[in-house]
Protein backbone atom coordinates (compact mmCIF):
# COMPACT_ATOMS: atom_id res chain seq x y z
CA MET A 1 -36.11 4.87 -23.78
CA LYS A 2 -38.66 2.15 -22.42
CA HIS A 3 -39.89 5.16 -20.05
CA ALA A 4 -40.48 7.36 -23.28
CA LEU A 5 -42.66 4.48 -25.20
CA TRP A 6 -44.81 4.27 -21.83
CA ILE A 7 -45.83 7.91 -21.98
CA THR A 8 -46.09 7.78 -25.72
CA ALA A 9 -48.35 5.18 -25.79
CA LEU A 10 -50.57 6.47 -22.47
CA THR A 11 -50.96 10.06 -22.86
CA THR A 12 -54.07 12.13 -24.35
CA VAL A 13 -55.15 15.26 -24.57
CA SER A 14 -56.79 15.30 -21.45
CA LEU A 15 -53.73 13.57 -19.47
CA ALA A 16 -51.88 15.65 -20.35
CA ALA A 17 -54.12 18.38 -19.40
CA CYS A 18 -54.00 17.43 -15.69
CA SER A 19 -50.75 15.90 -15.42
CA PRO A 20 -47.43 17.63 -13.81
CA PRO A 21 -45.11 18.94 -16.55
CA ALA A 22 -42.67 16.15 -17.23
CA ALA A 23 -39.58 18.44 -15.95
CA GLU A 24 -41.82 18.74 -12.75
CA LYS A 25 -41.93 14.96 -12.35
CA ALA A 26 -38.04 14.69 -13.44
CA GLU A 27 -37.53 17.10 -10.40
CA LYS A 28 -39.50 15.57 -7.77
CA ALA A 29 -37.85 12.23 -8.65
CA GLN A 30 -34.38 13.71 -7.72
CA PRO A 31 -33.27 12.20 -4.04
CA ALA A 32 -32.11 15.16 -2.39
CA ALA A 33 -28.40 15.08 -2.78
CA VAL A 34 -26.33 13.65 0.98
CA ALA A 35 -23.05 15.09 1.19
CA THR A 36 -20.50 12.03 2.10
CA PRO A 37 -18.81 13.31 5.01
CA ALA A 38 -15.01 13.68 4.98
CA LYS A 39 -13.27 10.25 6.41
CA PRO A 40 -11.28 12.14 9.94
CA ALA A 41 -7.79 12.50 10.04
CA PRO A 42 -6.71 9.62 12.55
CA ALA A 43 -5.62 10.12 16.27
CA ASN A 44 -2.13 10.94 16.27
CA GLU A 45 -0.01 11.50 19.87
CA ALA A 46 3.25 10.60 18.48
CA LEU A 47 5.89 12.66 18.79
CA PRO A 48 8.30 13.78 15.80
CA GLY A 49 11.44 12.98 15.17
CA ALA A 50 13.42 9.80 14.20
CA TYR A 51 11.86 6.11 14.20
CA LYS A 52 12.99 2.83 13.64
CA LEU A 53 11.02 -0.27 12.00
CA ASP A 54 9.62 -2.42 14.74
CA GLU A 55 10.30 -6.03 12.71
CA ASN A 56 7.61 -7.95 14.68
CA HIS A 57 5.02 -5.95 13.73
CA ALA A 58 5.83 -5.11 9.62
CA SER A 59 5.27 -7.06 6.78
CA VAL A 60 6.31 -6.87 3.16
CA THR A 61 4.04 -9.15 0.86
CA PHE A 62 3.45 -9.01 -2.66
CA ARG A 63 1.68 -10.79 -5.60
CA VAL A 64 2.20 -12.07 -9.08
CA ASN A 65 0.17 -13.14 -11.80
CA HIS A 66 0.22 -17.27 -12.28
CA LEU A 67 -0.60 -18.59 -15.59
CA GLY A 68 -3.72 -16.04 -15.61
CA MET A 69 -5.12 -18.40 -12.95
CA SER A 70 -4.17 -16.53 -9.86
CA ARG A 71 -2.04 -14.07 -7.93
CA TYR A 72 0.74 -16.31 -6.10
CA THR A 73 1.37 -14.52 -3.18
CA ALA A 74 4.81 -14.34 -1.18
CA ARG A 75 6.50 -12.00 1.41
CA PHE A 76 10.27 -10.92 2.40
CA THR A 77 10.74 -11.64 6.53
CA ASP A 78 14.63 -9.61 6.82
CA ILE A 79 13.33 -6.08 6.63
CA ALA A 80 15.01 -2.50 8.12
CA ALA A 81 13.58 0.63 7.81
CA ASP A 82 14.17 4.17 9.41
CA LEU A 83 11.86 6.88 9.38
CA GLN A 84 11.79 10.99 9.96
CA PHE A 85 7.93 11.76 11.07
CA ASP A 86 6.70 15.26 11.08
CA PRO A 87 3.36 15.44 12.00
CA ALA A 88 3.18 19.16 11.59
CA ASN A 89 4.30 18.67 7.96
CA PRO A 90 3.97 15.21 6.28
CA ALA A 91 5.27 16.48 3.18
CA ALA A 92 8.62 17.27 5.24
CA MET A 93 8.79 13.45 6.12
CA SER A 94 11.03 10.77 4.87
CA VAL A 95 11.84 6.93 4.88
CA SER A 96 14.63 4.83 3.39
CA ALA A 97 14.01 0.60 3.77
CA THR A 98 16.54 -2.38 3.07
CA ILE A 99 15.57 -5.46 2.66
CA ASP A 100 16.91 -9.20 2.13
CA PRO A 101 15.67 -11.06 -1.04
CA ARG A 102 17.52 -14.23 0.67
CA SER A 103 14.54 -13.62 2.94
CA ILE A 104 12.00 -14.41 0.65
CA GLU A 105 9.31 -16.57 2.11
CA THR A 106 6.53 -18.97 -0.13
CA ASP A 107 3.79 -21.64 0.51
CA PHE A 108 5.49 -23.86 -2.00
CA HIS A 109 5.12 -27.61 -1.11
CA GLY A 110 5.71 -30.73 -3.28
CA ASP A 111 8.92 -31.43 -5.25
CA LYS A 112 10.64 -28.51 -4.31
CA PRO A 113 11.72 -27.60 -1.16
CA ASP A 114 14.27 -25.18 -2.00
CA PHE A 115 11.74 -23.48 -4.11
CA ASP A 116 12.51 -19.86 -2.50
CA ALA A 117 16.12 -20.41 -2.86
CA GLU A 118 15.55 -21.09 -6.36
CA LEU A 119 13.44 -17.17 -6.51
CA ALA A 120 16.68 -15.77 -4.43
CA GLY A 121 18.63 -17.66 -7.12
CA PRO A 122 20.29 -16.27 -10.35
CA SER A 123 17.48 -16.80 -12.75
CA TRP A 124 14.90 -14.33 -10.89
CA LEU A 125 15.96 -12.18 -7.60
CA ASP A 126 20.15 -13.38 -8.19
CA ALA A 127 20.69 -12.32 -4.19
CA ALA A 128 24.39 -13.09 -4.27
CA LYS A 129 24.83 -10.99 -6.78
CA PHE A 130 22.27 -8.03 -5.80
CA PRO A 131 21.93 -8.56 -1.59
CA LYS A 132 20.07 -5.59 -1.07
CA ILE A 133 16.89 -4.20 -1.74
CA THR A 134 16.41 -0.73 -0.59
CA PHE A 135 14.02 2.37 -1.42
CA LYS A 136 14.95 5.56 -0.23
CA SER A 137 11.91 8.79 -0.35
CA THR A 138 12.15 11.47 -2.42
CA LYS A 139 8.71 13.09 -2.09
CA VAL A 140 5.55 13.02 -0.17
CA ASP A 141 2.57 14.54 -2.11
CA VAL A 142 0.10 14.70 0.25
CA THR A 143 -3.61 13.51 -0.82
CA GLY A 144 -5.58 14.18 2.33
CA PRO A 145 -5.93 13.96 5.93
CA ALA A 146 -4.23 10.63 6.60
CA THR A 147 -3.25 10.11 2.95
CA ALA A 148 -0.21 10.39 0.87
CA ASN A 149 2.00 9.21 -2.44
CA VAL A 150 5.45 8.51 -1.20
CA THR A 151 7.52 8.54 -4.39
CA GLY A 152 11.18 7.15 -4.05
CA ASP A 153 14.03 5.38 -5.62
CA LEU A 154 13.99 1.67 -5.79
CA THR A 155 17.12 -0.56 -6.52
CA LEU A 156 16.45 -4.20 -7.39
CA HIS A 157 18.51 -6.60 -8.91
CA GLY A 158 20.66 -4.17 -9.81
CA VAL A 159 19.00 -1.30 -11.26
CA THR A 160 17.57 1.68 -9.99
CA ARG A 161 14.05 3.26 -10.76
CA PRO A 162 11.18 5.44 -9.32
CA VAL A 163 8.00 3.82 -7.23
CA THR A 164 5.72 5.43 -6.05
CA LEU A 165 3.62 4.01 -2.92
CA GLU A 166 -0.14 4.78 -1.79
CA THR A 167 0.46 5.36 2.09
CA THR A 168 -2.04 5.89 4.27
CA PHE A 169 -1.28 6.84 7.97
CA ASN A 170 -3.27 4.90 10.49
CA GLY A 171 -2.20 6.93 13.62
CA GLY A 172 0.17 7.46 16.70
CA SER A 173 0.64 7.14 20.35
CA LYS A 174 2.90 8.34 22.57
CA PRO A 175 5.38 7.13 25.16
CA SER A 176 3.55 4.84 27.92
CA GLY A 177 4.82 1.91 30.72
CA MET A 178 4.39 -0.73 27.41
CA ASP A 179 5.75 1.33 25.47
CA PRO A 180 8.55 4.11 26.32
CA GLY A 181 8.71 5.55 22.58
CA SER A 182 6.15 6.21 20.46
CA ARG A 183 4.49 4.58 18.17
CA ILE A 184 3.18 5.25 14.55
CA GLY A 185 1.67 2.58 11.81
CA PHE A 186 1.46 2.74 7.99
CA SER A 187 -0.13 0.80 5.35
CA ALA A 188 1.30 1.35 1.67
CA HIS A 189 0.69 -0.19 -1.61
CA GLY A 190 2.07 0.09 -4.67
CA SER A 191 3.19 -1.84 -7.95
CA LEU A 192 6.26 -2.14 -10.69
CA LYS A 193 7.07 -4.26 -13.85
CA ARG A 194 9.99 -6.47 -12.85
CA SER A 195 11.24 -6.69 -16.89
CA GLU A 196 11.99 -2.52 -15.99
CA PHE A 197 14.79 -4.01 -13.37
CA GLY A 198 15.81 -6.87 -15.30
CA VAL A 199 13.95 -9.71 -13.88
CA SER A 200 12.32 -10.83 -16.95
CA TYR A 201 12.10 -14.91 -16.55
CA GLY A 202 9.25 -16.58 -17.10
CA ILE A 203 7.01 -13.36 -18.42
CA PRO A 204 4.43 -14.78 -20.64
CA PRO A 205 4.98 -14.24 -24.31
CA ALA A 206 2.29 -11.52 -25.94
CA GLY A 207 -1.18 -12.83 -26.10
CA SER A 208 -0.39 -15.78 -23.50
CA ASN A 209 -0.99 -15.81 -19.60
CA PHE A 210 1.51 -18.90 -19.85
CA GLY A 211 3.89 -18.02 -17.30
CA VAL A 212 4.39 -15.57 -14.40
CA GLY A 213 3.43 -12.05 -14.63
CA ASP A 214 5.40 -9.23 -15.58
CA GLU A 215 3.49 -6.68 -12.91
CA VAL A 216 4.34 -7.32 -9.72
CA GLU A 217 1.82 -5.46 -6.84
CA PHE A 218 3.38 -5.00 -3.05
CA PHE A 219 1.77 -4.35 -0.01
CA ILE A 220 3.37 -2.88 3.28
CA GLU A 221 2.14 -2.94 6.86
CA ALA A 222 4.61 -1.52 9.21
CA GLU A 223 4.72 0.04 13.06
CA PHE A 224 7.60 2.11 14.17
CA THR A 225 8.94 3.37 17.56
CA GLN A 226 10.95 5.86 18.72
CA PRO A 227 14.19 4.88 20.03
CA VAL A 228 14.50 5.61 23.55
CA ALA A 229 17.42 6.81 25.29
CA ALA A 230 19.61 4.48 28.35
CA GLY A 231 17.65 4.72 31.11
CA THR A 232 14.78 6.40 30.09
CA ALA A 233 12.37 2.92 29.39
CA ALA A 234 12.83 2.23 33.02
CA ALA A 235 11.88 5.68 34.17
CA ALA A 236 8.26 4.87 32.13
CA ALA A 237 7.79 1.76 33.48
CA PRO A 238 4.79 1.53 35.98
CA ALA A 239 5.75 1.87 39.47
CA GLN A 240 5.08 -1.87 40.90
């Protein structure tokens, strides 16, 4: 609008005669379109087949809104997973995972040293009654050279509902002297409403932040390794 007023105020018959048309000016002012290069797929030398989670290189963290002040973050430490890996046909891949809810860990300090146990207790995860959180994939929708939406059935607090993980394949390596089985890595994230799984304790009333949010965001970092038959590891080790 300011540009239009400036043109109106300064335009005279003589200037109009010697100035290039506005359309031409606009055309000259437009920068040349620059194509954004597509992100290449990560390197992969891993073999297809069955893989198991490397628990030493995996994490499941989650966060929830706390009083509208922060996103309180915690994690589970006892996790296991199996993966069928097929780089030639990613849509055919599948994964299943199990988490022990009693392995929840927070960084809580102060007058409640048993806060982790409280979260695993009856008001929240009720781990004594529901000792497993499980996920089993049902569909893989490939969204890019290294990305996919992995949908599956999540069972939490005794309730099973579909959840989708936005997943990125980080690459894979072939067997080596230090790693006798192939190794692959993934990152994933998603969200859920805990009230839909029967965990409603502490959710703020409508119009308030005073409590613990209903939405739970979760983040997964995972490396999987291919099990190696007995004797193969020794054969793969470098000569001394």
